[in-house]
């Protein structure tokens, strides 16, 4: 079984790529979705968050207040490390279990959408790494439209992520997402054929 990690900075268009792969019938494991499950009401990480950050970071429905936590961790590196210890490491363990369970599944390839692949030094745990890139201003506009957050907040997120220049040196395949959807899909189709995954 081949494992492919898909990564890229915020607003690069990872979700667009993974949605297309799913439409082609491929299995995609989403690290962010796993993280959201863990911080949802009664999620595995909720007791840890309550213990280390207090009830003010838990919403009335019992889930983590993602907006408040985001504001905290992008201005407080110590808080980010504490959060990562209780969530990111658990997400990595969950993904590792999914990979081991899938080995005997008969799947030819499984894709993993992992936004912080390089930041967490996980790139060597996959057979191939696909990096999705996009122009800085394009990424800003996408995130502002999608998440309704201000430019300054987005730039803070970008600052804690590895640069595209760093990621390009480490990635096996680079997919530019500055053009149209059709151009993106054509690029993906070519890569899948060249890698004998179609």
N, C-alpha and C. Protein backbone atom coordinates (compact mmCIF):
# COMPACT_ATOMS: atom_id res chain seq x y z
N UNK A 1 0.84 -1.19 0.00
CA UNK A 1 0.00 0.00 0.00
C UNK A 1 0.88 1.25 0.00
N UNK A 2 0.50 2.20 -0.83
CA UNK A 2 1.23 3.46 -0.92
C UNK A 2 0.53 4.51 -0.06
N UNK A 3 1.31 5.25 0.72
CA UNK A 3 0.75 6.34 1.52
C UNK A 3 1.26 7.67 0.96
N UNK A 4 0.32 8.58 0.75
CA UNK A 4 0.65 9.90 0.20
C UNK A 4 0.15 10.97 1.16
N UNK A 5 1.06 11.81 1.62
CA UNK A 5 0.67 12.94 2.47
C UNK A 5 0.46 14.16 1.59
N UNK A 6 -0.66 14.83 1.79
CA UNK A 6 -0.95 16.08 1.08
C UNK A 6 -0.85 17.21 2.10
N UNK A 7 -0.05 18.21 1.77
CA UNK A 7 0.14 19.32 2.70
C UNK A 7 0.25 20.63 1.95
N UNK A 8 0.32 21.71 2.71
CA UNK A 8 0.41 23.05 2.12
C UNK A 8 -0.01 24.06 3.15
N UNK A 9 0.38 25.29 2.95
CA UNK A 9 0.03 26.35 3.88
C UNK A 9 -1.45 26.66 3.88
N UNK A 10 -1.89 27.41 4.87
CA UNK A 10 -3.29 27.80 4.98
C UNK A 10 -3.71 28.55 3.71
N UNK A 11 -4.86 28.15 3.15
CA UNK A 11 -5.38 28.80 1.95
C UNK A 11 -4.78 28.32 0.65
N UNK A 12 -3.92 27.30 0.70
CA UNK A 12 -3.29 26.81 -0.53
C UNK A 12 -4.25 26.01 -1.40
N UNK A 13 -5.27 25.43 -0.78
CA UNK A 13 -6.25 24.67 -1.55
C UNK A 13 -6.17 23.17 -1.35
N UNK A 14 -5.68 22.74 -0.20
CA UNK A 14 -5.60 21.31 0.09
C UNK A 14 -6.96 20.63 0.00
N UNK A 15 -7.97 21.28 0.55
CA UNK A 15 -9.32 20.69 0.57
C UNK A 15 -9.85 20.50 -0.84
N UNK A 16 -9.55 21.44 -1.73
CA UNK A 16 -9.99 21.31 -3.12
C UNK A 16 -9.35 20.08 -3.76
N UNK A 17 -8.08 19.87 -3.47
CA UNK A 17 -7.37 18.69 -4.00
C UNK A 17 -7.96 17.41 -3.43
N UNK A 18 -8.15 17.37 -2.12
CA UNK A 18 -8.65 16.13 -1.50
C UNK A 18 -10.09 15.84 -1.91
N UNK A 19 -10.91 16.88 -2.07
CA UNK A 19 -12.28 16.67 -2.53
C UNK A 19 -12.30 16.05 -3.92
N UNK A 20 -11.38 16.50 -4.78
CA UNK A 20 -11.29 15.92 -6.12
C UNK A 20 -10.85 14.46 -6.06
N UNK A 21 -9.87 14.17 -5.22
CA UNK A 21 -9.41 12.78 -5.07
C UNK A 21 -10.54 11.88 -4.57
N UNK A 22 -11.33 12.38 -3.62
CA UNK A 22 -12.47 11.61 -3.12
C UNK A 22 -13.48 11.37 -4.24
N UNK A 23 -13.69 12.38 -5.08
CA UNK A 23 -14.64 12.23 -6.20
C UNK A 23 -14.17 11.17 -7.19
N UNK A 24 -12.85 10.92 -7.22
CA UNK A 24 -12.29 9.88 -8.10
C UNK A 24 -12.34 8.50 -7.45
N UNK A 25 -12.78 8.45 -6.19
CA UNK A 25 -12.90 7.17 -5.50
C UNK A 25 -11.77 6.84 -4.55
N UNK A 26 -10.85 7.77 -4.35
CA UNK A 26 -9.73 7.52 -3.44
C UNK A 26 -10.15 7.77 -1.99
N UNK A 27 -9.45 7.11 -1.07
CA UNK A 27 -9.68 7.33 0.35
C UNK A 27 -8.73 8.42 0.83
N UNK A 28 -9.30 9.41 1.54
CA UNK A 28 -8.50 10.50 2.10
C UNK A 28 -8.77 10.59 3.60
N UNK A 29 -7.71 10.51 4.38
CA UNK A 29 -7.81 10.67 5.83
C UNK A 29 -7.46 12.12 6.16
N UNK A 30 -8.36 12.80 6.85
CA UNK A 30 -8.22 14.23 7.12
C UNK A 30 -7.78 14.47 8.57
N UNK A 31 -6.54 14.95 8.74
CA UNK A 31 -6.01 15.18 10.10
C UNK A 31 -6.82 16.24 10.84
N UNK A 32 -7.28 17.26 10.13
CA UNK A 32 -8.08 18.31 10.79
C UNK A 32 -9.41 17.76 11.28
N UNK A 33 -10.00 16.84 10.49
CA UNK A 33 -11.28 16.23 10.90
C UNK A 33 -11.08 15.40 12.17
N UNK A 34 -9.97 14.69 12.24
CA UNK A 34 -9.66 13.90 13.45
C UNK A 34 -9.49 14.84 14.64
N UNK A 35 -8.79 15.95 14.42
CA UNK A 35 -8.59 16.93 15.49
C UNK A 35 -9.92 17.52 15.96
N UNK A 36 -10.81 17.80 15.00
CA UNK A 36 -12.13 18.35 15.37
C UNK A 36 -12.94 17.34 16.18
N UNK A 37 -12.83 16.05 15.82
CA UNK A 37 -13.53 15.01 16.58
C UNK A 37 -13.03 14.98 18.02
N UNK A 38 -11.73 15.14 18.18
CA UNK A 38 -11.13 15.07 19.51
C UNK A 38 -11.48 16.27 20.37
N UNK A 39 -11.82 17.41 19.72
CA UNK A 39 -12.16 18.62 20.47
C UNK A 39 -13.65 18.93 20.40
N UNK A 40 -14.44 17.98 19.90
CA UNK A 40 -15.90 18.11 19.87
C UNK A 40 -16.45 17.76 21.25
N UNK A 41 -17.75 17.99 21.49
CA UNK A 41 -18.32 17.61 22.79
C UNK A 41 -18.01 16.15 23.12
N UNK A 42 -17.52 15.89 24.31
CA UNK A 42 -17.13 14.55 24.77
C UNK A 42 -15.94 13.98 24.01
N UNK A 43 -15.20 14.83 23.29
CA UNK A 43 -14.02 14.38 22.57
C UNK A 43 -12.89 14.01 23.51
N UNK A 44 -11.97 13.18 23.02
CA UNK A 44 -10.87 12.68 23.85
C UNK A 44 -10.01 13.79 24.46
N UNK A 45 -9.89 14.93 23.76
CA UNK A 45 -8.99 15.98 24.22
C UNK A 45 -9.65 16.99 25.16
N UNK A 46 -10.96 16.93 25.30
CA UNK A 46 -11.67 17.93 26.11
C UNK A 46 -11.22 17.96 27.58
N UNK A 47 -11.08 16.80 28.25
CA UNK A 47 -10.59 16.85 29.64
C UNK A 47 -9.21 17.50 29.76
N UNK A 48 -8.34 17.20 28.80
CA UNK A 48 -6.99 17.78 28.80
C UNK A 48 -7.06 19.31 28.65
N UNK A 49 -7.90 19.76 27.72
CA UNK A 49 -8.03 21.21 27.48
C UNK A 49 -8.59 21.91 28.71
N UNK A 50 -9.60 21.30 29.32
CA UNK A 50 -10.20 21.90 30.53
C UNK A 50 -9.15 21.99 31.66
N UNK A 51 -8.35 20.93 31.79
CA UNK A 51 -7.34 20.88 32.86
C UNK A 51 -6.24 21.92 32.66
N UNK A 52 -5.78 22.07 31.41
CA UNK A 52 -4.62 22.93 31.15
C UNK A 52 -4.96 24.37 30.78
N UNK A 53 -6.19 24.58 30.28
CA UNK A 53 -6.55 25.93 29.84
C UNK A 53 -7.75 26.52 30.59
N UNK A 54 -8.49 25.67 31.28
CA UNK A 54 -9.65 26.16 32.02
C UNK A 54 -10.94 26.08 31.23
N UNK A 55 -12.05 26.19 31.94
CA UNK A 55 -13.37 26.05 31.32
C UNK A 55 -13.71 27.18 30.36
N UNK A 56 -12.97 28.29 30.44
CA UNK A 56 -13.26 29.41 29.53
C UNK A 56 -12.96 29.06 28.07
N UNK A 57 -12.22 27.98 27.85
CA UNK A 57 -11.92 27.54 26.49
C UNK A 57 -12.83 26.40 26.03
N UNK A 58 -13.86 26.13 26.83
CA UNK A 58 -14.86 25.12 26.48
C UNK A 58 -16.20 25.83 26.27
N UNK A 59 -16.82 25.59 25.12
CA UNK A 59 -18.11 26.20 24.82
C UNK A 59 -19.24 25.52 25.59
N UNK A 60 -20.42 26.12 25.56
CA UNK A 60 -21.57 25.58 26.29
C UNK A 60 -21.93 24.16 25.84
N UNK A 61 -21.69 23.86 24.55
CA UNK A 61 -22.03 22.53 24.04
C UNK A 61 -20.98 21.47 24.42
N UNK A 62 -19.90 21.90 25.11
CA UNK A 62 -18.88 20.96 25.55
C UNK A 62 -17.70 20.82 24.61
N UNK A 63 -17.71 21.55 23.51
CA UNK A 63 -16.60 21.49 22.56
C UNK A 63 -15.57 22.58 22.88
N UNK A 64 -14.40 22.44 22.31
CA UNK A 64 -13.37 23.46 22.50
C UNK A 64 -13.75 24.71 21.74
N UNK A 65 -13.50 25.86 22.33
CA UNK A 65 -13.72 27.14 21.66
C UNK A 65 -12.53 27.37 20.72
N UNK A 66 -12.70 26.97 19.47
CA UNK A 66 -11.60 26.99 18.51
C UNK A 66 -11.11 28.42 18.23
N UNK A 67 -12.05 29.35 18.19
CA UNK A 67 -11.69 30.75 17.91
C UNK A 67 -10.83 31.32 19.04
N UNK A 68 -11.25 31.10 20.28
CA UNK A 68 -10.49 31.60 21.43
C UNK A 68 -9.13 30.91 21.53
N UNK A 69 -9.11 29.61 21.27
CA UNK A 69 -7.86 28.86 21.34
C UNK A 69 -6.90 29.32 20.25
N UNK A 70 -7.43 29.55 19.05
CA UNK A 70 -6.59 30.02 17.95
C UNK A 70 -5.95 31.36 18.32
N UNK A 71 -6.75 32.26 18.87
CA UNK A 71 -6.23 33.58 19.26
C UNK A 71 -5.13 33.45 20.31
N UNK A 72 -5.27 32.49 21.20
CA UNK A 72 -4.27 32.29 22.26
C UNK A 72 -2.98 31.71 21.72
N UNK A 73 -3.08 30.60 20.99
CA UNK A 73 -1.86 29.87 20.62
C UNK A 73 -1.02 30.59 19.57
N UNK A 74 -1.62 31.48 18.80
CA UNK A 74 -0.82 32.20 17.81
C UNK A 74 -0.16 33.45 18.39
N UNK A 75 -0.36 33.69 19.69
CA UNK A 75 0.34 34.78 20.35
C UNK A 75 1.15 34.28 21.55
N UNK A 76 0.98 33.01 21.89
CA UNK A 76 1.64 32.44 23.07
C UNK A 76 2.23 31.08 22.71
N UNK A 77 3.53 31.05 22.45
CA UNK A 77 4.17 29.81 22.00
C UNK A 77 4.12 28.71 23.05
N UNK A 78 4.14 29.10 24.32
CA UNK A 78 4.06 28.11 25.40
C UNK A 78 2.69 27.42 25.38
N UNK A 79 1.64 28.22 25.18
CA UNK A 79 0.28 27.67 25.11
C UNK A 79 0.14 26.73 23.92
N UNK A 80 0.79 27.09 22.80
CA UNK A 80 0.74 26.24 21.61
C UNK A 80 1.37 24.88 21.90
N UNK A 81 2.49 24.87 22.59
CA UNK A 81 3.16 23.60 22.92
C UNK A 81 2.31 22.74 23.84
N UNK A 82 1.64 23.38 24.79
CA UNK A 82 0.76 22.64 25.70
C UNK A 82 -0.41 22.03 24.93
N UNK A 83 -1.00 22.82 24.04
CA UNK A 83 -2.12 22.32 23.23
C UNK A 83 -1.68 21.16 22.36
N UNK A 84 -0.52 21.32 21.72
CA UNK A 84 -0.01 20.27 20.83
C UNK A 84 0.24 18.97 21.57
N UNK A 85 0.72 19.07 22.80
CA UNK A 85 1.00 17.86 23.57
C UNK A 85 -0.27 17.05 23.78
N UNK A 86 -1.39 17.74 23.96
CA UNK A 86 -2.64 17.04 24.23
C UNK A 86 -3.49 16.73 23.02
N UNK A 87 -3.18 17.37 21.89
CA UNK A 87 -4.02 17.14 20.71
C UNK A 87 -3.23 16.65 19.51
N UNK A 88 -2.22 17.41 19.10
CA UNK A 88 -1.48 17.05 17.88
C UNK A 88 -0.84 15.68 17.98
N UNK A 89 -0.21 15.39 19.11
CA UNK A 89 0.43 14.08 19.28
C UNK A 89 -0.59 12.96 19.24
N UNK A 90 -1.77 13.22 19.81
CA UNK A 90 -2.84 12.21 19.79
C UNK A 90 -3.37 12.00 18.38
N UNK A 91 -3.44 13.09 17.60
CA UNK A 91 -3.88 12.98 16.20
C UNK A 91 -2.89 12.14 15.41
N UNK A 92 -1.60 12.38 15.62
CA UNK A 92 -0.56 11.60 14.93
C UNK A 92 -0.68 10.12 15.28
N UNK A 93 -0.92 9.82 16.55
CA UNK A 93 -1.10 8.42 16.97
C UNK A 93 -2.32 7.79 16.30
N UNK A 94 -3.40 8.56 16.19
CA UNK A 94 -4.62 8.05 15.54
C UNK A 94 -4.36 7.77 14.06
N UNK A 95 -3.64 8.67 13.40
CA UNK A 95 -3.31 8.49 11.98
C UNK A 95 -2.42 7.27 11.80
N UNK A 96 -1.45 7.09 12.69
CA UNK A 96 -0.57 5.91 12.62
C UNK A 96 -1.37 4.62 12.74
N UNK A 97 -2.39 4.64 13.59
CA UNK A 97 -3.24 3.46 13.75
C UNK A 97 -4.05 3.20 12.49
N UNK A 98 -4.57 4.27 11.89
CA UNK A 98 -5.32 4.13 10.63
C UNK A 98 -4.43 3.53 9.56
N UNK A 99 -3.18 4.00 9.50
CA UNK A 99 -2.24 3.47 8.51
C UNK A 99 -1.97 1.99 8.73
N UNK A 100 -1.73 1.61 9.98
CA UNK A 100 -1.43 0.20 10.27
C UNK A 100 -2.65 -0.68 10.00
N UNK A 101 -3.84 -0.19 10.34
CA UNK A 101 -5.07 -0.96 10.08
C UNK A 101 -5.31 -1.12 8.58
N UNK A 102 -4.90 -0.12 7.80
CA UNK A 102 -5.16 -0.14 6.36
C UNK A 102 -4.20 -1.03 5.58
N UNK A 103 -3.08 -1.41 6.21
CA UNK A 103 -2.08 -2.22 5.51
C UNK A 103 -2.65 -3.52 4.97
N UNK A 104 -3.58 -4.10 5.71
CA UNK A 104 -4.17 -5.37 5.30
C UNK A 104 -5.53 -5.20 4.61
N UNK A 105 -5.84 -3.96 4.25
CA UNK A 105 -7.17 -3.67 3.68
C UNK A 105 -7.27 -3.97 2.19
N UNK A 106 -6.13 -4.06 1.53
CA UNK A 106 -6.15 -4.29 0.09
C UNK A 106 -6.16 -3.01 -0.73
N UNK A 107 -6.13 -1.85 -0.06
CA UNK A 107 -6.11 -0.58 -0.80
C UNK A 107 -4.75 -0.41 -1.47
N UNK A 108 -4.79 0.14 -2.68
CA UNK A 108 -3.54 0.39 -3.41
C UNK A 108 -2.85 1.64 -2.86
N UNK A 109 -3.66 2.66 -2.55
CA UNK A 109 -3.11 3.93 -2.07
C UNK A 109 -4.09 4.58 -1.11
N UNK A 110 -3.57 5.26 -0.11
CA UNK A 110 -4.40 6.08 0.78
C UNK A 110 -3.72 7.44 0.92
N UNK A 111 -4.54 8.48 0.78
CA UNK A 111 -4.05 9.85 0.91
C UNK A 111 -4.34 10.37 2.32
N UNK A 112 -3.44 11.19 2.82
CA UNK A 112 -3.58 11.78 4.15
C UNK A 112 -3.43 13.29 4.03
N UNK A 113 -4.48 14.02 4.39
CA UNK A 113 -4.46 15.49 4.36
C UNK A 113 -3.90 15.97 5.70
N UNK A 114 -2.65 16.43 5.68
CA UNK A 114 -1.96 16.80 6.93
C UNK A 114 -1.37 18.20 6.80
N UNK A 115 -2.11 19.23 7.25
CA UNK A 115 -1.64 20.61 7.09
C UNK A 115 -0.27 20.89 7.71
N UNK A 116 0.00 20.35 8.88
CA UNK A 116 1.26 20.65 9.59
C UNK A 116 2.27 19.50 9.47
N UNK A 117 2.30 18.88 8.33
CA UNK A 117 3.18 17.73 8.10
C UNK A 117 4.65 18.07 8.40
N UNK A 118 5.15 19.15 7.82
CA UNK A 118 6.55 19.52 8.00
C UNK A 118 6.80 20.11 9.38
N UNK A 119 5.83 20.88 9.87
CA UNK A 119 5.98 21.50 11.18
C UNK A 119 6.12 20.45 12.28
N UNK A 120 5.47 19.30 12.07
CA UNK A 120 5.53 18.21 13.05
C UNK A 120 6.53 17.12 12.64
N UNK A 121 7.32 17.41 11.59
CA UNK A 121 8.38 16.51 11.14
C UNK A 121 7.87 15.10 10.85
N UNK A 122 6.74 15.03 10.16
CA UNK A 122 6.12 13.74 9.85
C UNK A 122 6.34 13.29 8.40
N UNK A 123 7.06 14.07 7.60
CA UNK A 123 7.18 13.80 6.17
C UNK A 123 7.80 12.45 5.85
N UNK A 124 8.69 11.96 6.71
CA UNK A 124 9.36 10.69 6.43
C UNK A 124 8.47 9.48 6.73
N UNK A 125 7.29 9.71 7.28
CA UNK A 125 6.38 8.61 7.60
C UNK A 125 5.46 8.25 6.45
N UNK A 126 5.69 8.88 5.28
CA UNK A 126 4.84 8.64 4.11
C UNK A 126 5.71 8.32 2.91
N UNK A 127 5.14 7.55 1.98
CA UNK A 127 5.90 7.18 0.78
C UNK A 127 6.15 8.38 -0.12
N UNK A 128 5.12 9.23 -0.24
CA UNK A 128 5.23 10.42 -1.07
C UNK A 128 4.60 11.61 -0.36
N UNK A 129 5.14 12.79 -0.64
CA UNK A 129 4.56 14.03 -0.12
C UNK A 129 4.18 14.92 -1.30
N UNK A 130 2.90 15.30 -1.34
CA UNK A 130 2.42 16.26 -2.33
C UNK A 130 2.27 17.61 -1.63
N UNK A 131 2.89 18.63 -2.19
CA UNK A 131 2.78 19.98 -1.64
C UNK A 131 1.89 20.82 -2.54
N UNK A 132 0.84 21.40 -1.95
CA UNK A 132 -0.04 22.30 -2.69
C UNK A 132 0.42 23.73 -2.40
N UNK A 133 0.66 24.49 -3.46
CA UNK A 133 1.11 25.87 -3.29
C UNK A 133 0.16 26.84 -3.97
N UNK A 134 0.20 28.08 -3.51
CA UNK A 134 -0.56 29.16 -4.14
C UNK A 134 0.09 30.48 -3.76
N UNK A 135 -0.11 31.47 -4.58
CA UNK A 135 0.40 32.80 -4.34
C UNK A 135 -0.07 33.34 -2.99
N UNK A 136 0.78 34.08 -2.33
CA UNK A 136 0.51 34.61 -0.98
C UNK A 136 -0.82 35.37 -0.92
N UNK A 137 -1.03 36.30 -1.84
CA UNK A 137 -2.26 37.11 -1.83
C UNK A 137 -3.49 36.27 -2.13
N UNK A 138 -3.33 35.28 -2.99
CA UNK A 138 -4.44 34.36 -3.29
C UNK A 138 -4.84 33.62 -2.03
N UNK A 139 -3.86 33.15 -1.30
CA UNK A 139 -4.13 32.42 -0.05
C UNK A 139 -4.85 33.32 0.96
N UNK A 140 -4.36 34.55 1.10
CA UNK A 140 -5.00 35.50 2.03
C UNK A 140 -6.47 35.69 1.68
N UNK A 141 -6.76 35.94 0.41
CA UNK A 141 -8.14 36.18 -0.03
C UNK A 141 -9.02 34.97 0.23
N UNK A 142 -8.50 33.79 -0.08
CA UNK A 142 -9.27 32.55 0.13
C UNK A 142 -9.66 32.38 1.59
N UNK A 143 -8.70 32.57 2.48
CA UNK A 143 -8.97 32.34 3.90
C UNK A 143 -9.90 33.41 4.46
N UNK A 144 -9.72 34.65 4.03
CA UNK A 144 -10.59 35.73 4.50
C UNK A 144 -12.04 35.47 4.09
N UNK A 145 -12.23 34.97 2.88
CA UNK A 145 -13.58 34.64 2.40
C UNK A 145 -14.14 33.42 3.11
N UNK A 146 -13.31 32.41 3.27
CA UNK A 146 -13.76 31.13 3.83
C UNK A 146 -14.04 31.21 5.32
N UNK A 147 -13.13 31.82 6.07
CA UNK A 147 -13.21 31.79 7.52
C UNK A 147 -13.69 33.09 8.16
N UNK A 148 -13.85 34.12 7.34
CA UNK A 148 -14.29 35.43 7.84
C UNK A 148 -13.41 35.93 8.98
N UNK A 149 -12.08 35.78 8.80
CA UNK A 149 -11.14 36.33 9.79
C UNK A 149 -10.27 37.38 9.13
N UNK A 150 -9.70 38.26 9.92
CA UNK A 150 -8.97 39.40 9.37
C UNK A 150 -7.57 39.00 8.89
N UNK A 151 -7.01 39.88 8.08
CA UNK A 151 -5.70 39.64 7.46
C UNK A 151 -4.61 39.40 8.51
N UNK A 152 -4.63 40.19 9.57
CA UNK A 152 -3.61 40.08 10.61
C UNK A 152 -3.61 38.70 11.26
N UNK A 153 -4.79 38.16 11.52
CA UNK A 153 -4.90 36.82 12.14
C UNK A 153 -4.36 35.75 11.20
N UNK A 154 -4.67 35.89 9.91
CA UNK A 154 -4.19 34.91 8.93
C UNK A 154 -2.67 34.96 8.84
N UNK A 155 -2.13 36.16 8.83
CA UNK A 155 -0.67 36.31 8.74
C UNK A 155 0.04 35.72 9.95
N UNK A 156 -0.59 35.80 11.12
CA UNK A 156 -0.02 35.17 12.32
C UNK A 156 0.05 33.66 12.15
N UNK A 157 -1.00 33.09 11.56
CA UNK A 157 -1.02 31.65 11.30
C UNK A 157 0.09 31.29 10.32
N UNK A 158 0.21 32.09 9.25
CA UNK A 158 1.24 31.83 8.24
C UNK A 158 2.64 31.89 8.83
N UNK A 159 2.84 32.78 9.80
CA UNK A 159 4.17 32.96 10.39
C UNK A 159 4.65 31.74 11.17
N UNK A 160 3.72 30.96 11.72
CA UNK A 160 4.15 29.78 12.49
C UNK A 160 4.26 28.53 11.61
N UNK A 161 3.87 28.67 10.33
CA UNK A 161 4.00 27.56 9.40
C UNK A 161 5.32 27.67 8.64
N UNK A 162 5.86 26.53 8.24
CA UNK A 162 7.08 26.52 7.43
C UNK A 162 6.79 27.22 6.10
N UNK A 163 7.82 27.84 5.52
CA UNK A 163 7.65 28.54 4.25
C UNK A 163 7.52 27.54 3.10
N UNK A 164 6.92 28.00 2.00
CA UNK A 164 6.82 27.14 0.82
C UNK A 164 8.20 26.79 0.28
N UNK A 165 9.15 27.71 0.40
CA UNK A 165 10.52 27.43 -0.08
C UNK A 165 11.11 26.24 0.67
N UNK A 166 10.89 26.18 1.97
CA UNK A 166 11.36 25.04 2.77
C UNK A 166 10.65 23.76 2.32
N UNK A 167 9.33 23.84 2.20
CA UNK A 167 8.53 22.66 1.88
C UNK A 167 8.85 22.12 0.49
N UNK A 168 9.13 23.01 -0.45
CA UNK A 168 9.42 22.57 -1.82
C UNK A 168 10.67 21.70 -1.88
N UNK A 169 11.63 21.98 -0.99
CA UNK A 169 12.86 21.18 -0.96
C UNK A 169 12.60 19.77 -0.44
N UNK A 170 11.55 19.62 0.36
CA UNK A 170 11.25 18.35 1.00
C UNK A 170 10.19 17.53 0.27
N UNK A 171 9.34 18.19 -0.51
CA UNK A 171 8.21 17.51 -1.15
C UNK A 171 8.65 16.70 -2.37
N UNK A 172 7.90 15.64 -2.64
CA UNK A 172 8.16 14.83 -3.83
C UNK A 172 7.48 15.42 -5.06
N UNK A 173 6.29 15.97 -4.85
CA UNK A 173 5.50 16.54 -5.95
C UNK A 173 4.94 17.88 -5.51
N UNK A 174 5.05 18.87 -6.38
CA UNK A 174 4.54 20.21 -6.09
C UNK A 174 3.40 20.51 -7.05
N UNK A 175 2.26 20.89 -6.50
CA UNK A 175 1.08 21.20 -7.31
C UNK A 175 0.73 22.67 -7.10
N UNK A 176 0.82 23.45 -8.19
CA UNK A 176 0.47 24.87 -8.11
C UNK A 176 -1.04 25.02 -8.23
N UNK A 177 -1.62 25.78 -7.31
CA UNK A 177 -3.06 26.00 -7.30
C UNK A 177 -3.38 27.49 -7.45
N UNK A 178 -2.73 28.11 -8.43
CA UNK A 178 -2.97 29.53 -8.72
C UNK A 178 -3.94 29.73 -9.88
N UNK A 179 -4.21 28.67 -10.61
CA UNK A 179 -5.04 28.79 -11.81
C UNK A 179 -6.49 28.41 -11.58
N UNK A 180 -7.11 27.88 -12.64
CA UNK A 180 -8.52 27.48 -12.57
C UNK A 180 -8.64 26.09 -11.98
N UNK A 181 -9.88 25.72 -11.64
CA UNK A 181 -10.13 24.36 -11.14
C UNK A 181 -9.77 23.33 -12.18
N UNK A 182 -10.12 23.59 -13.44
CA UNK A 182 -9.81 22.64 -14.51
C UNK A 182 -8.31 22.41 -14.62
N UNK A 183 -7.53 23.48 -14.48
CA UNK A 183 -6.07 23.35 -14.54
C UNK A 183 -5.56 22.52 -13.37
N UNK A 184 -6.14 22.74 -12.21
CA UNK A 184 -5.74 21.96 -11.02
C UNK A 184 -6.07 20.49 -11.21
N UNK A 185 -7.29 20.20 -11.67
CA UNK A 185 -7.70 18.80 -11.87
C UNK A 185 -6.84 18.12 -12.92
N UNK A 186 -6.49 18.85 -13.98
CA UNK A 186 -5.63 18.28 -15.03
C UNK A 186 -4.26 17.93 -14.46
N UNK A 187 -3.72 18.81 -13.61
CA UNK A 187 -2.42 18.54 -12.98
C UNK A 187 -2.48 17.29 -12.12
N UNK A 188 -3.57 17.16 -11.35
CA UNK A 188 -3.72 15.99 -10.47
C UNK A 188 -3.83 14.72 -11.30
N UNK A 189 -4.63 14.76 -12.37
CA UNK A 189 -4.80 13.59 -13.24
C UNK A 189 -3.45 13.14 -13.81
N UNK A 190 -2.64 14.09 -14.24
CA UNK A 190 -1.33 13.76 -14.81
C UNK A 190 -0.43 13.10 -13.77
N UNK A 191 -0.45 13.64 -12.56
CA UNK A 191 0.37 13.08 -11.49
C UNK A 191 -0.07 11.67 -11.15
N UNK A 192 -1.38 11.46 -11.05
CA UNK A 192 -1.91 10.13 -10.75
C UNK A 192 -1.50 9.11 -11.81
N UNK A 193 -1.54 9.53 -13.07
CA UNK A 193 -1.15 8.62 -14.17
C UNK A 193 0.35 8.36 -14.14
N UNK A 194 1.13 9.41 -13.93
CA UNK A 194 2.59 9.26 -13.90
C UNK A 194 3.06 8.38 -12.74
N UNK A 195 2.29 8.42 -11.65
CA UNK A 195 2.63 7.60 -10.48
C UNK A 195 1.93 6.25 -10.50
N UNK A 196 1.25 5.96 -11.62
CA UNK A 196 0.51 4.69 -11.79
C UNK A 196 -0.52 4.46 -10.68
N UNK A 197 -1.20 5.54 -10.29
CA UNK A 197 -2.21 5.43 -9.24
C UNK A 197 -3.63 5.41 -9.81
N UNK A 198 -3.76 5.62 -11.11
CA UNK A 198 -5.09 5.57 -11.73
C UNK A 198 -5.30 4.22 -12.42
